[in-house]
PDB file of N, CA and C in Angstrom:
ATOM      1  N   MET A   1     -39.354 -39.161 -23.706  1.00  0.00           N
ATOM      2  CA  MET A   1     -38.382 -38.094 -23.703  1.00  0.00           C
ATOM      3  C   MET A   1     -38.629 -37.083 -24.827  1.00  0.00           C
ATOM      4  N   ALA A   2     -39.106 -37.570 -25.967  1.00  0.00           N
ATOM      5  CA  ALA A   2     -39.372 -36.667 -27.087  1.00  0.00           C
ATOM      6  C   ALA A   2     -40.447 -35.661 -26.714  1.00  0.00           C
ATOM      7  N   PHE A   3     -41.479 -36.085 -25.972  1.00  0.00           N
ATOM      8  CA  PHE A   3     -42.531 -35.171 -25.536  1.00  0.00           C
ATOM      9  C   PHE A   3     -41.951 -34.061 -24.668  1.00  0.00           C
ATOM     10  N   GLY A   4     -41.032 -34.423 -23.762  1.00  0.00           N
ATOM     11  CA  GLY A   4     -40.410 -33.442 -22.877  1.00  0.00           C
ATOM     12  C   GLY A   4     -39.616 -32.407 -23.651  1.00  0.00           C
ATOM     13  N   ASN A   5     -38.903 -32.824 -24.689  1.00  0.00           N
ATOM     14  CA  ASN A   5     -38.124 -31.898 -25.502  1.00  0.00           C
ATOM     15  C   ASN A   5     -39.033 -30.948 -26.267  1.00  0.00           C
ATOM     16  N   ARG A   6     -40.147 -31.467 -26.802  1.00  0.00           N
ATOM     17  CA  ARG A   6     -41.085 -30.608 -27.522  1.00  0.00           C
ATOM     18  C   ARG A   6     -41.728 -29.602 -26.577  1.00  0.00           C
ATOM     19  N   TRP A   7     -42.070 -30.055 -25.390  1.00  0.00           N
ATOM     20  CA  TRP A   7     -42.665 -29.161 -24.398  1.00  0.00           C
ATOM     21  C   TRP A   7     -41.683 -28.050 -24.035  1.00  0.00           C
ATOM     22  N   PHE A   8     -40.417 -28.427 -23.823  1.00  0.00           N
ATOM     23  CA  PHE A   8     -39.402 -27.446 -23.469  1.00  0.00           C
ATOM     24  C   PHE A   8     -39.221 -26.434 -24.600  1.00  0.00           C
ATOM     25  N   ALA A   9     -39.142 -26.915 -25.834  1.00  0.00           N
ATOM     26  CA  ALA A   9     -38.977 -26.013 -26.985  1.00  0.00           C
ATOM     27  C   ALA A   9     -40.169 -25.070 -27.100  1.00  0.00           C
ATOM     28  N   ALA A  10     -41.375 -25.588 -26.916  1.00  0.00           N
ATOM     29  CA  ALA A  10     -42.567 -24.742 -26.984  1.00  0.00           C
ATOM     30  C   ALA A  10     -42.552 -23.699 -25.877  1.00  0.00           C
ATOM     31  N   ALA A  11     -42.125 -24.094 -24.682  1.00  0.00           N
ATOM     32  CA  ALA A  11     -42.061 -23.142 -23.564  1.00  0.00           C
ATOM     33  C   ALA A  11     -41.049 -22.038 -23.843  1.00  0.00           C
ATOM     34  N   VAL A  12     -39.888 -22.407 -24.383  1.00  0.00           N
ATOM     35  CA  VAL A  12     -38.858 -21.407 -24.690  1.00  0.00           C
ATOM     36  C   VAL A  12     -39.358 -20.446 -25.768  1.00  0.00           C
ATOM     37  N   LEU A  13     -39.979 -20.976 -26.825  1.00  0.00           N
ATOM     38  CA  LEU A  13     -40.498 -20.115 -27.885  1.00  0.00           C
ATOM     39  C   LEU A  13     -41.587 -19.189 -27.370  1.00  0.00           C
ATOM     40  N   SER A  14     -42.446 -19.669 -26.497  1.00  0.00           N
ATOM     41  CA  SER A  14     -43.492 -18.820 -25.920  1.00  0.00           C
ATOM     42  C   SER A  14     -42.886 -17.698 -25.083  1.00  0.00           C
ATOM     43  N   LEU A  15     -41.866 -18.037 -24.325  1.00  0.00           N
ATOM     44  CA  LEU A  15     -41.196 -17.032 -23.500  1.00  0.00           C
ATOM     45  C   LEU A  15     -40.533 -15.977 -24.373  1.00  0.00           C
ATOM     46  N   LEU A  16     -39.860 -16.406 -25.430  1.00  0.00           N
ATOM     47  CA  LEU A  16     -39.228 -15.452 -26.335  1.00  0.00           C
ATOM     48  C   LEU A  16     -40.258 -14.548 -27.004  1.00  0.00           C
ATOM     49  N   ALA A  17     -41.373 -15.117 -27.399  1.00  0.00           N
ATOM     50  CA  ALA A  17     -42.421 -14.308 -28.029  1.00  0.00           C
ATOM     51  C   ALA A  17     -42.976 -13.292 -27.046  1.00  0.00           C
ATOM     52  N   ALA A  18     -43.145 -13.682 -25.796  1.00  0.00           N
ATOM     53  CA  ALA A  18     -43.677 -12.766 -24.783  1.00  0.00           C
ATOM     54  C   ALA A  18     -42.693 -11.640 -24.483  1.00  0.00           C
ATOM     55  N   CYS A  19     -41.396 -11.940 -24.549  1.00  0.00           N
ATOM     56  CA  CYS A  19     -40.387 -10.932 -24.250  1.00  0.00           C
ATOM     57  C   CYS A  19     -40.026 -10.096 -25.461  1.00  0.00           C
ATOM     58  N   ALA A  20     -40.414 -10.553 -26.639  1.00  0.00           N
ATOM     59  CA  ALA A  20     -40.090  -9.810 -27.858  1.00  0.00           C
ATOM     60  C   ALA A  20     -40.905  -8.544 -27.883  1.00  0.00           C
ATOM     61  N   GLY A  21     -40.858  -7.865 -28.968  1.00  0.00           N
ATOM     62  CA  GLY A  21     -41.579  -6.598 -29.052  1.00  0.00           C
ATOM     63  C   GLY A  21     -40.579  -5.502 -29.292  1.00  0.00           C
ATOM     64  N   ASN A  22     -41.030  -4.318 -29.149  1.00  0.00           N
ATOM     65  CA  ASN A  22     -40.188  -3.181 -29.470  1.00  0.00           C
ATOM     66  C   ASN A  22     -39.268  -2.843 -28.318  1.00  0.00           C
ATOM     67  N   ALA A  23     -38.091  -2.404 -28.662  1.00  0.00           N
ATOM     68  CA  ALA A  23     -37.132  -1.967 -27.661  1.00  0.00           C
ATOM     69  C   ALA A  23     -37.625  -0.664 -27.035  1.00  0.00           C
ATOM     70  N   PRO A  24     -37.092  -0.298 -25.854  1.00  0.00           N
ATOM     71  CA  PRO A  24     -37.492   0.972 -25.262  1.00  0.00           C
ATOM     72  C   PRO A  24     -37.278   2.116 -26.253  1.00  0.00           C
ATOM     73  N   GLY A  25     -38.257   2.972 -26.324  1.00  0.00           N
ATOM     74  CA  GLY A  25     -38.145   4.093 -27.236  1.00  0.00           C
ATOM     75  C   GLY A  25     -38.667   3.804 -28.631  1.00  0.00           C
ATOM     76  N   ASN A  26     -39.145   2.579 -28.862  1.00  0.00           N
ATOM     77  CA  ASN A  26     -39.743   2.204 -30.137  1.00  0.00           C
ATOM     78  C   ASN A  26     -41.153   1.714 -29.850  1.00  0.00           C
ATOM     79  N   PRO A  27     -42.115   2.610 -29.824  1.00  0.00           N
ATOM     80  CA  PRO A  27     -43.441   2.257 -29.332  1.00  0.00           C
ATOM     81  C   PRO A  27     -44.237   1.374 -30.277  1.00  0.00           C
ATOM     82  N   ASP A  28     -45.063   0.500 -29.677  1.00  0.00           N
ATOM     83  CA  ASP A  28     -46.105  -0.171 -30.436  1.00  0.00           C
ATOM     84  C   ASP A  28     -47.156   0.883 -30.726  1.00  0.00           C
ATOM     85  N   GLN A  29     -47.862   0.728 -31.825  1.00  0.00           N
ATOM     86  CA  GLN A  29     -48.900   1.702 -32.148  1.00  0.00           C
ATOM     87  C   GLN A  29     -49.937   1.707 -31.027  1.00  0.00           C
ATOM     88  N   GLY A  30     -50.260   2.879 -30.535  1.00  0.00           N
ATOM     89  CA  GLY A  30     -51.236   3.024 -29.467  1.00  0.00           C
ATOM     90  C   GLY A  30     -50.637   3.001 -28.074  1.00  0.00           C
ATOM     91  N   SER A  31     -49.390   2.564 -27.932  1.00  0.00           N
ATOM     92  CA  SER A  31     -48.757   2.527 -26.622  1.00  0.00           C
ATOM     93  C   SER A  31     -48.042   3.853 -26.363  1.00  0.00           C
ATOM     94  N   PRO A  32     -48.137   4.371 -25.144  1.00  0.00           N
ATOM     95  CA  PRO A  32     -47.417   5.613 -24.859  1.00  0.00           C
ATOM     96  C   PRO A  32     -45.908   5.367 -24.792  1.00  0.00           C
ATOM     97  N   VAL A  33     -45.153   6.381 -25.135  1.00  0.00           N
ATOM     98  CA  VAL A  33     -43.700   6.340 -25.012  1.00  0.00           C
ATOM     99  C   VAL A  33     -43.356   7.046 -23.718  1.00  0.00           C
ATOM    100  N   LYS A  34     -42.674   6.359 -22.835  1.00  0.00           N
ATOM    101  CA  LYS A  34     -42.299   6.943 -21.557  1.00  0.00           C
ATOM    102  C   LYS A  34     -40.873   7.445 -21.635  1.00  0.00           C
ATOM    103  N   ILE A  35     -40.703   8.733 -21.323  1.00  0.00           N
ATOM    104  CA  ILE A  35     -39.380   9.340 -21.294  1.00  0.00           C
ATOM    105  C   ILE A  35     -39.188   9.937 -19.901  1.00  0.00           C
ATOM    106  N   ALA A  36     -38.123   9.501 -19.230  1.00  0.00           N
ATOM    107  CA  ALA A  36     -37.822   9.985 -17.889  1.00  0.00           C
ATOM    108  C   ALA A  36     -36.643  10.942 -17.945  1.00  0.00           C
ATOM    109  N   ALA A  37     -36.797  12.108 -17.332  1.00  0.00           N
ATOM    110  CA  ALA A  37     -35.720  13.083 -17.211  1.00  0.00           C
ATOM    111  C   ALA A  37     -35.070  12.900 -15.853  1.00  0.00           C
ATOM    112  N   LYS A  38     -33.762  12.917 -15.862  1.00  0.00           N
ATOM    113  CA  LYS A  38     -33.013  12.848 -14.605  1.00  0.00           C
ATOM    114  C   LYS A  38     -31.677  13.522 -14.835  1.00  0.00           C
ATOM    115  N   GLN A  39     -31.092  14.043 -13.776  1.00  0.00           N
ATOM    116  CA  GLN A  39     -29.822  14.745 -13.947  1.00  0.00           C
ATOM    117  C   GLN A  39     -28.802  13.760 -14.501  1.00  0.00           C
ATOM    118  N   TRP A  40     -28.337  13.905 -15.592  1.00  0.00           N
ATOM    119  CA  TRP A  40     -28.375  14.878 -16.648  1.00  0.00           C
ATOM    120  C   TRP A  40     -28.585  14.152 -17.961  1.00  0.00           C
ATOM    121  N   SER A  41     -29.722  13.457 -18.029  1.00  0.00           N
ATOM    122  CA  SER A  41     -30.014  12.666 -19.220  1.00  0.00           C
ATOM    123  C   SER A  41     -31.505  12.409 -19.345  1.00  0.00           C
ATOM    124  N   PHE A  42     -31.878  11.935 -20.518  1.00  0.00           N
ATOM    125  CA  PHE A  42     -33.225  11.438 -20.765  1.00  0.00           C
ATOM    126  C   PHE A  42     -33.122   9.935 -20.986  1.00  0.00           C
ATOM    127  N   ASP A  43     -34.107   9.217 -20.504  1.00  0.00           N
ATOM    128  CA  ASP A  43     -34.123   7.765 -20.668  1.00  0.00           C
ATOM    129  C   ASP A  43     -35.466   7.336 -21.226  1.00  0.00           C
ATOM    130  N   PRO A  44     -35.520   6.834 -22.455  1.00  0.00           N
ATOM    131  CA  PRO A  44     -34.410   6.616 -23.372  1.00  0.00           C
ATOM    132  C   PRO A  44     -34.001   7.921 -24.052  1.00  0.00           C
ATOM    133  N   PRO A  45     -32.749   7.996 -24.524  1.00  0.00           N
ATOM    134  CA  PRO A  45     -32.297   9.220 -25.188  1.00  0.00           C
ATOM    135  C   PRO A  45     -32.775   9.331 -26.635  1.00  0.00           C
ATOM    136  N   THR A  46     -33.175   8.205 -27.224  1.00  0.00           N
ATOM    137  CA  THR A  46     -33.648   8.190 -28.608  1.00  0.00           C
ATOM    138  C   THR A  46     -34.962   7.439 -28.687  1.00  0.00           C
ATOM    139  N   VAL A  47     -35.920   8.035 -29.363  1.00  0.00           N
ATOM    140  CA  VAL A  47     -37.227   7.421 -29.586  1.00  0.00           C
ATOM    141  C   VAL A  47     -37.443   7.360 -31.094  1.00  0.00           C
ATOM    142  N   THR A  48     -37.846   6.197 -31.592  1.00  0.00           N
ATOM    143  CA  THR A  48     -38.114   6.031 -33.020  1.00  0.00           C
ATOM    144  C   THR A  48     -39.600   5.804 -33.222  1.00  0.00           C
ATOM    145  N   ILE A  49     -40.209   6.605 -34.093  1.00  0.00           N
ATOM    146  CA  ILE A  49     -41.641   6.463 -34.390  1.00  0.00           C
ATOM    147  C   ILE A  49     -41.839   6.538 -35.900  1.00  0.00           C
ATOM    148  N   GLN A  50     -43.009   6.115 -36.319  1.00  0.00           N
ATOM    149  CA  GLN A  50     -43.336   6.101 -37.738  1.00  0.00           C
ATOM    150  C   GLN A  50     -44.051   7.382 -38.147  1.00  0.00           C
ATOM    151  N   LYS A  51     -43.720   7.866 -39.327  1.00  0.00           N
ATOM    152  CA  LYS A  51     -44.391   9.036 -39.888  1.00  0.00           C
ATOM    153  C   LYS A  51     -45.893   8.783 -39.946  1.00  0.00           C
ATOM    154  N   GLY A  52     -46.668   9.776 -39.528  1.00  0.00           N
ATOM    155  CA  GLY A  52     -48.120   9.684 -39.579  1.00  0.00           C
ATOM    156  C   GLY A  52     -48.760   8.952 -38.418  1.00  0.00           C
ATOM    157  N   THR A  53     -47.961   8.401 -37.526  1.00  0.00           N
ATOM    158  CA  THR A  53     -48.480   7.678 -36.368  1.00  0.00           C
ATOM    159  C   THR A  53     -48.614   8.633 -35.186  1.00  0.00           C
ATOM    160  N   THR A  54     -49.777   8.651 -34.570  1.00  0.00           N
ATOM    161  CA  THR A  54     -49.979   9.478 -33.378  1.00  0.00           C
ATOM    162  C   THR A  54     -49.380   8.755 -32.176  1.00  0.00           C
ATOM    163  N   VAL A  55     -48.550   9.468 -31.444  1.00  0.00           N
ATOM    164  CA  VAL A  55     -47.856   8.900 -30.293  1.00  0.00           C
ATOM    165  C   VAL A  55     -48.045   9.814 -29.092  1.00  0.00           C
ATOM    166  N   ASP A  56     -48.356   9.216 -27.956  1.00  0.00           N
ATOM    167  CA  ASP A  56     -48.413   9.952 -26.694  1.00  0.00           C
ATOM    168  C   ASP A  56     -47.076   9.788 -25.989  1.00  0.00           C
ATOM    169  N   LEU A  57     -46.448  10.912 -25.657  1.00  0.00           N
ATOM    170  CA  LEU A  57     -45.250  10.890 -24.833  1.00  0.00           C
ATOM    171  C   LEU A  57     -45.675  11.087 -23.395  1.00  0.00           C
ATOM    172  N   GLU A  58     -45.236  10.200 -22.511  1.00  0.00           N
ATOM    173  CA  GLU A  58     -45.460  10.357 -21.075  1.00  0.00           C
ATOM    174  C   GLU A  58     -44.124  10.766 -20.472  1.00  0.00           C
ATOM    175  N   LEU A  59     -44.048  12.020 -20.071  1.00  0.00           N
ATOM    176  CA  LEU A  59     -42.807  12.616 -19.601  1.00  0.00           C
ATOM    177  C   LEU A  59     -42.822  12.748 -18.082  1.00  0.00           C
ATOM    178  N   THR A  60     -41.727  12.326 -17.454  1.00  0.00           N
ATOM    179  CA  THR A  60     -41.617  12.436 -15.998  1.00  0.00           C
ATOM    180  C   THR A  60     -40.232  12.927 -15.619  1.00  0.00           C
ATOM    181  N   SER A  61     -40.138  13.527 -14.448  1.00  0.00           N
ATOM    182  CA  SER A  61     -38.855  13.888 -13.855  1.00  0.00           C
ATOM    183  C   SER A  61     -38.607  12.950 -12.683  1.00  0.00           C
ATOM    184  N   MET A  62     -37.422  12.387 -12.649  1.00  0.00           N
ATOM    185  CA  MET A  62     -37.072  11.455 -11.583  1.00  0.00           C
ATOM    186  C   MET A  62     -36.426  12.132 -10.381  1.00  0.00           C
ATOM    187  N   ASP A  63     -36.074  13.431 -10.523  1.00  0.00           N
ATOM    188  CA  ASP A  63     -35.337  14.045  -9.428  1.00  0.00           C
ATOM    189  C   ASP A  63     -35.686  15.508  -9.178  1.00  0.00           C
ATOM    190  N   VAL A  64     -35.356  16.384 -10.111  1.00  0.00           N
ATOM    191  CA  VAL A  64     -35.570  17.816  -9.915  1.00  0.00           C
ATOM    192  C   VAL A  64     -36.412  18.363 -11.063  1.00  0.00           C
ATOM    193  N   HIS A  65     -36.703  19.649 -11.012  1.00  0.00           N
ATOM    194  CA  HIS A  65     -37.465  20.307 -12.081  1.00  0.00           C
ATOM    195  C   HIS A  65     -36.653  20.270 -13.376  1.00  0.00           C
ATOM    196  N   HIS A  66     -37.304  19.837 -14.444  1.00  0.00           N
ATOM    197  CA  HIS A  66     -36.726  19.862 -15.789  1.00  0.00           C
ATOM    198  C   HIS A  66     -37.760  20.491 -16.716  1.00  0.00           C
ATOM    199  N   ARG A  67     -37.337  20.757 -17.941  1.00  0.00           N
ATOM    200  CA  ARG A  67     -38.260  21.270 -18.947  1.00  0.00           C
ATOM    201  C   ARG A  67     -37.960  20.560 -20.258  1.00  0.00           C
ATOM    202  N   PHE A  68     -38.965  19.912 -20.832  1.00  0.00           N
ATOM    203  CA  PHE A  68     -38.820  19.158 -22.082  1.00  0.00           C
ATOM    204  C   PHE A  68     -39.115  20.098 -23.240  1.00  0.00           C
ATOM    205  N   TYR A  69     -38.095  20.351 -24.060  1.00  0.00           N
ATOM    206  CA  TYR A  69     -38.202  21.293 -25.159  1.00  0.00           C
ATOM    207  C   TYR A  69     -37.939  20.567 -26.475  1.00  0.00           C
ATOM    208  N   LEU A  70     -38.963  20.478 -27.312  1.00  0.00           N
ATOM    209  CA  LEU A  70     -38.911  19.831 -28.621  1.00  0.00           C
ATOM    210  C   LEU A  70     -39.418  20.848 -29.637  1.00  0.00           C
ATOM    211  N   PRO A  71     -38.558  21.780 -30.059  1.00  0.00           N
ATOM    212  CA  PRO A  71     -39.017  22.935 -30.833  1.00  0.00           C
ATOM    213  C   PRO A  71     -39.662  22.593 -32.170  1.00  0.00           C
ATOM    214  N   ASP A  72     -39.214  21.541 -32.843  1.00  0.00           N
ATOM    215  CA  ASP A  72     -39.778  21.212 -34.157  1.00  0.00           C
ATOM    216  C   ASP A  72     -41.247  20.809 -34.086  1.00  0.00           C
ATOM    217  N   PHE A  73     -41.714  20.448 -32.898  1.00  0.00           N
ATOM    218  CA  PHE A  73     -43.113  20.077 -32.707  1.00  0.00           C
ATOM    219  C   PHE A  73     -43.855  21.065 -31.821  1.00  0.00           C
ATOM    220  N   GLY A  74     -43.198  22.167 -31.484  1.00  0.00           N
ATOM    221  CA  GLY A  74     -43.838  23.186 -30.658  1.00  0.00           C
ATOM    222  C   GLY A  74     -44.096  22.737 -29.226  1.00  0.00           C
ATOM    223  N   VAL A  75     -43.259  21.846 -28.719  1.00  0.00           N
ATOM    224  CA  VAL A  75     -43.443  21.321 -27.362  1.00  0.00           C
ATOM    225  C   VAL A  75     -42.448  21.989 -26.422  1.00  0.00           C
ATOM    226  N   ASP A  76     -42.964  22.534 -25.329  1.00  0.00           N
ATOM    227  CA  ASP A  76     -42.161  23.179 -24.299  1.00  0.00           C
ATOM    228  C   ASP A  76     -42.940  23.042 -22.999  1.00  0.00           C
ATOM    229  N   VAL A  77     -42.657  21.970 -22.237  1.00  0.00           N
ATOM    230  CA  VAL A  77     -43.443  21.683 -21.036  1.00  0.00           C
ATOM    231  C   VAL A  77     -42.537  21.477 -19.821  1.00  0.00           C
ATOM    232  N   ASP A  78     -43.034  21.936 -18.673  1.00  0.00           N
ATOM    233  CA  ASP A  78     -42.337  21.727 -17.412  1.00  0.00           C
ATOM    234  C   ASP A  78     -42.548  20.298 -16.931  1.00  0.00           C
ATOM    235  N   LEU A  79     -41.496  19.746 -16.332  1.00  0.00           N
ATOM    236  CA  LEU A  79     -41.571  18.415 -15.733  1.00  0.00           C
ATOM    237  C   LEU A  79     -41.254  18.538 -14.257  1.00  0.00           C
ATOM    238  N   GLU A  80     -42.261  18.316 -13.457  1.00  0.00           N
ATOM    239  CA  GLU A  80     -42.104  18.384 -12.009  1.00  0.00           C
ATOM    240  C   GLU A  80     -41.843  16.979 -11.464  1.00  0.00           C
ATOM    241  N   PRO A  81     -40.975  16.853 -10.470  1.00  0.00           N
ATOM    242  CA  PRO A  81     -40.678  15.544  -9.900  1.00  0.00           C
ATOM    243  C   PRO A  81     -41.946  14.816  -9.454  1.00  0.00           C
ATOM    244  N   GLY A  82     -42.033  13.557  -9.831  1.00  0.00           N
ATOM    245  CA  GLY A  82     -43.148  12.721  -9.405  1.00  0.00           C
ATOM    246  C   GLY A  82     -44.436  12.901 -10.188  1.00  0.00           C
ATOM    247  N   MET A  83     -44.475  13.816 -11.140  1.00  0.00           N
ATOM    248  CA  MET A  83     -45.687  14.036 -11.923  1.00  0.00           C
ATOM    249  C   MET A  83     -45.449  13.601 -13.365  1.00  0.00           C
ATOM    250  N   THR A  84     -46.523  13.206 -14.045  1.00  0.00           N
ATOM    251  CA  THR A  84     -46.436  12.809 -15.438  1.00  0.00           C
ATOM    252  C   THR A  84     -47.116  13.860 -16.305  1.00  0.00           C
ATOM    253  N   THR A  85     -46.424  14.272 -17.362  1.00  0.00           N
ATOM    254  CA  THR A  85     -46.973  15.207 -18.338  1.00  0.00           C
ATOM    255  C   THR A  85     -47.121  14.454 -19.645  1.00  0.00           C
ATOM    256  N   ARG A  86     -48.294  14.539 -20.258  1.00  0.00           N
ATOM    257  CA  ARG A  86     -48.556  13.823 -21.507  1.00  0.00           C
ATOM    258  C   ARG A  86     -48.611  14.816 -22.664  1.00  0.00           C
ATOM    259  N   VAL A  87     -47.906  14.459 -23.740  1.00  0.00           N
ATOM    260  CA  VAL A  87     -47.861  15.254 -24.964  1.00  0.00           C
ATOM    261  C   VAL A  87     -48.167  14.319 -26.123  1.00  0.00           C
ATOM    262  N   THR A  88     -49.018  14.761 -27.047  1.00  0.00           N
ATOM    263  CA  THR A  88     -49.370  13.947 -28.210  1.00  0.00           C
ATOM    264  C   THR A  88     -48.719  14.516 -29.461  1.00  0.00           C
ATOM    265  N   LEU A  89     -48.070  13.639 -30.233  1.00  0.00           N
ATOM    266  CA  LEU A  89     -47.407  14.027 -31.475  1.00  0.00           C
ATOM    267  C   LEU A  89     -47.934  13.190 -32.630  1.00  0.00           C
ATOM    268  N   THR A  90     -48.039  13.802 -33.797  1.00  0.00           N
ATOM    269  CA  THR A  90     -48.307  13.078 -35.035  1.00  0.00           C
ATOM    270  C   THR A  90     -47.347  13.642 -36.084  1.00  0.00           C
ATOM    271  N   PRO A  91     -46.141  13.075 -36.184  1.00  0.00           N
ATOM    272  CA  PRO A  91     -45.162  13.623 -37.124  1.00  0.00           C
ATOM    273  C   PRO A  91     -45.587  13.378 -38.564  1.00  0.00           C
ATOM    274  N   ASP A  92     -45.456  14.404 -39.387  1.00  0.00           N
ATOM    275  CA  ASP A  92     -45.878  14.289 -40.784  1.00  0.00           C
ATOM    276  C   ASP A  92     -44.703  14.280 -41.751  1.00  0.00           C
ATOM    277  N   GLN A  93     -43.481  14.251 -41.210  1.00  0.00           N
ATOM    278  CA  GLN A  93     -42.310  14.173 -42.080  1.00  0.00           C
ATOM    279  C   GLN A  93     -41.216  13.357 -41.397  1.00  0.00           C
ATOM    280  N   PRO A  94     -40.449  12.600 -42.178  1.00  0.00           N
ATOM    281  CA  PRO A  94     -39.353  11.841 -41.579  1.00  0.00           C
ATOM    282  C   PRO A  94     -38.192  12.767 -41.220  1.00  0.00           C
ATOM    283  N   GLY A  95     -37.360  12.303 -40.320  1.00  0.00           N
ATOM    284  CA  GLY A  95     -36.186  13.077 -39.940  1.00  0.00           C
ATOM    285  C   GLY A  95     -35.793  12.819 -38.504  1.00  0.00           C
ATOM    286  N   THR A  96     -34.780  13.512 -38.063  1.00  0.00           N
ATOM    287  CA  THR A  96     -34.310  13.428 -36.686  1.00  0.00           C
ATOM    288  C   THR A  96     -34.570  14.779 -36.034  1.00  0.00           C
ATOM    289  N   PHE A  97     -35.274  14.748 -34.915  1.00  0.00           N
ATOM    290  CA  PHE A  97     -35.696  15.959 -34.224  1.00  0.00           C
ATOM    291  C   PHE A  97     -35.148  15.922 -32.800  1.00  0.00           C
ATOM    292  N   HIS A  98     -34.420  16.950 -32.438  1.00  0.00           N
ATOM    293  CA  HIS A  98     -33.730  16.972 -31.150  1.00  0.00           C
ATOM    294  C   HIS A  98     -34.579  17.638 -30.070  1.00  0.00           C
ATOM    295  N   PHE A  99     -34.487  17.068 -28.863  1.00  0.00           N
ATOM    296  CA  PHE A  99     -35.114  17.687 -27.699  1.00  0.00           C
ATOM    297  C   PHE A  99     -34.034  17.873 -26.635  1.00  0.00           C
ATOM    298  N   ARG A 100     -34.342  18.740 -25.677  1.00  0.00           N
ATOM    299  CA  ARG A 100     -33.385  19.027 -24.614  1.00  0.00           C
ATOM    300  C   ARG A 100     -34.116  19.518 -23.374  1.00  0.00           C
ATOM    301  N   CYS A 101     -33.365  19.576 -22.290  1.00  0.00           N
ATOM    302  CA  CYS A 101     -33.876  20.192 -21.072  1.00  0.00           C
ATOM    303  C   CYS A 101     -33.666  21.685 -21.210  1.00  0.00           C
ATOM    304  N   GLU A 102     -34.728  22.444 -21.015  1.00  0.00           N
ATOM    305  CA  GLU A 102     -34.681  23.889 -21.201  1.00  0.00           C
ATOM    306  C   GLU A 102     -34.719  24.630 -19.855  1.00  0.00           C
ATOM    307  N   TYR A 103     -34.510  23.899 -18.776  1.00  0.00           N
ATOM    308  CA  TYR A 103     -34.491  24.501 -17.445  1.00  0.00           C
ATOM    309  C   TYR A 103     -33.166  24.109 -16.798  1.00  0.00           C
ATOM    310  N   TYR A 104     -32.383  25.089 -16.374  1.00  0.00           N
ATOM    311  CA  TYR A 104     -31.076  24.771 -15.799  1.00  0.00           C
ATOM    312  C   TYR A 104     -31.263  23.876 -14.574  1.00  0.00           C
ATOM    313  N   CYS A 105     -30.705  22.671 -14.670  1.00  0.00           N
ATOM    314  CA  CYS A 105     -30.929  21.673 -13.623  1.00  0.00           C
ATOM    315  C   CYS A 105     -29.643  21.231 -12.936  1.00  0.00           C
ATOM    316  N   GLY A 106     -28.564  21.933 -13.203  1.00  0.00           N
ATOM    317  CA  GLY A 106     -27.310  21.593 -12.531  1.00  0.00           C
ATOM    318  C   GLY A 106     -26.146  21.562 -13.502  1.00  0.00           C
ATOM    319  N   GLN A 107     -25.013  21.124 -12.996  1.00  0.00           N
ATOM    320  CA  GLN A 107     -23.741  21.192 -13.695  1.00  0.00           C
ATOM    321  C   GLN A 107     -23.744  20.486 -15.057  1.00  0.00           C
ATOM    322  N   GLY A 108     -24.435  19.378 -15.244  1.00  0.00           N
ATOM    323  CA  GLY A 108     -24.433  18.655 -16.506  1.00  0.00           C
ATOM    324  C   GLY A 108     -25.586  18.994 -17.426  1.00  0.00           C
ATOM    325  N   HIS A 109     -26.283  20.070 -17.141  1.00  0.00           N
ATOM    326  CA  HIS A 109     -27.481  20.464 -17.886  1.00  0.00           C
ATOM    327  C   HIS A 109     -27.253  20.558 -19.395  1.00  0.00           C
ATOM    328  N   GLU A 110     -26.132  21.099 -19.816  1.00  0.00           N
ATOM    329  CA  GLU A 110     -25.899  21.338 -21.244  1.00  0.00           C
ATOM    330  C   GLU A 110     -25.905  20.041 -22.051  1.00  0.00           C
ATOM    331  N   GLY A 111     -25.577  18.923 -21.440  1.00  0.00           N
ATOM    332  CA  GLY A 111     -25.529  17.649 -22.146  1.00  0.00           C
ATOM    333  C   GLY A 111     -26.830  16.870 -22.089  1.00  0.00           C
ATOM    334  N   MET A 112     -27.875  17.469 -21.543  1.00  0.00           N
ATOM    335  CA  MET A 112     -29.146  16.786 -21.373  1.00  0.00           C
ATOM    336  C   MET A 112     -29.980  16.931 -22.642  1.00  0.00           C
ATOM    337  N   VAL A 113     -29.734  16.028 -23.582  1.00  0.00           N
ATOM    338  CA  VAL A 113     -30.368  16.096 -24.901  1.00  0.00           C
ATOM    339  C   VAL A 113     -30.864  14.707 -25.309  1.00  0.00           C
ATOM    340  N   GLY A 114     -31.725  14.701 -26.298  1.00  0.00           N
ATOM    341  CA  GLY A 114     -32.231  13.453 -26.860  1.00  0.00           C
ATOM    342  C   GLY A 114     -32.740  13.704 -28.259  1.00  0.00           C
ATOM    343  N   ARG A 115     -33.294  12.668 -28.875  1.00  0.00           N
ATOM    344  CA  ARG A 115     -33.797  12.843 -30.226  1.00  0.00           C
ATOM    345  C   ARG A 115     -34.955  11.911 -30.507  1.00  0.00           C
ATOM    346  N   ILE A 116     -35.819  12.387 -31.390  1.00  0.00           N
ATOM    347  CA  ILE A 116     -36.901  11.585 -31.917  1.00  0.00           C
ATOM    348  C   ILE A 116     -36.600  11.343 -33.388  1.00  0.00           C
ATOM    349  N   VAL A 117     -36.558  10.080 -33.772  1.00  0.00           N
ATOM    350  CA  VAL A 117     -36.294   9.705 -35.150  1.00  0.00           C
ATOM    351  C   VAL A 117     -37.629   9.280 -35.760  1.00  0.00           C
ATOM    352  N   VAL A 118     -38.031   9.975 -36.804  1.00  0.00           N
ATOM    353  CA  VAL A 118     -39.277   9.653 -37.504  1.00  0.00           C
ATOM    354  C   VAL A 118     -38.905   8.964 -38.816  1.00  0.00           C
ATOM    355  N   GLN A 119     -39.427   7.757 -38.987  1.00  0.00           N
ATOM    356  CA  GLN A 119     -39.132   6.980 -40.194  1.00  0.00           C
ATOM    357  C   GLN A 119     -40.281   6.987 -41.152  1.00  0.00           C
TER     358      GLN A 119
END
């Protein structure tokens, strides 16, 4: 019975380790950050990255035309439904940087915002 308990504990720990990792919006170094635009939100709404780390954002629209506008990084790109747009960032200062949809996409457009937190 002791062997069975050790096996079970090892299996649970292995499963937890496999499921651990960074939460959505907190990329592993080298992994792209996926941000999906949909009426009237971004998913995830907050992305946390480290200062000096190069990060690829993979931006998609889940429904209609949107525009991803991140002025502090000079990013202003169209997002067409079903297509992926890739943007590379290397933030050189910590802070909170806001992005928004810059293309009127319907009644809730004004609330379509998000942020990148650089630590």
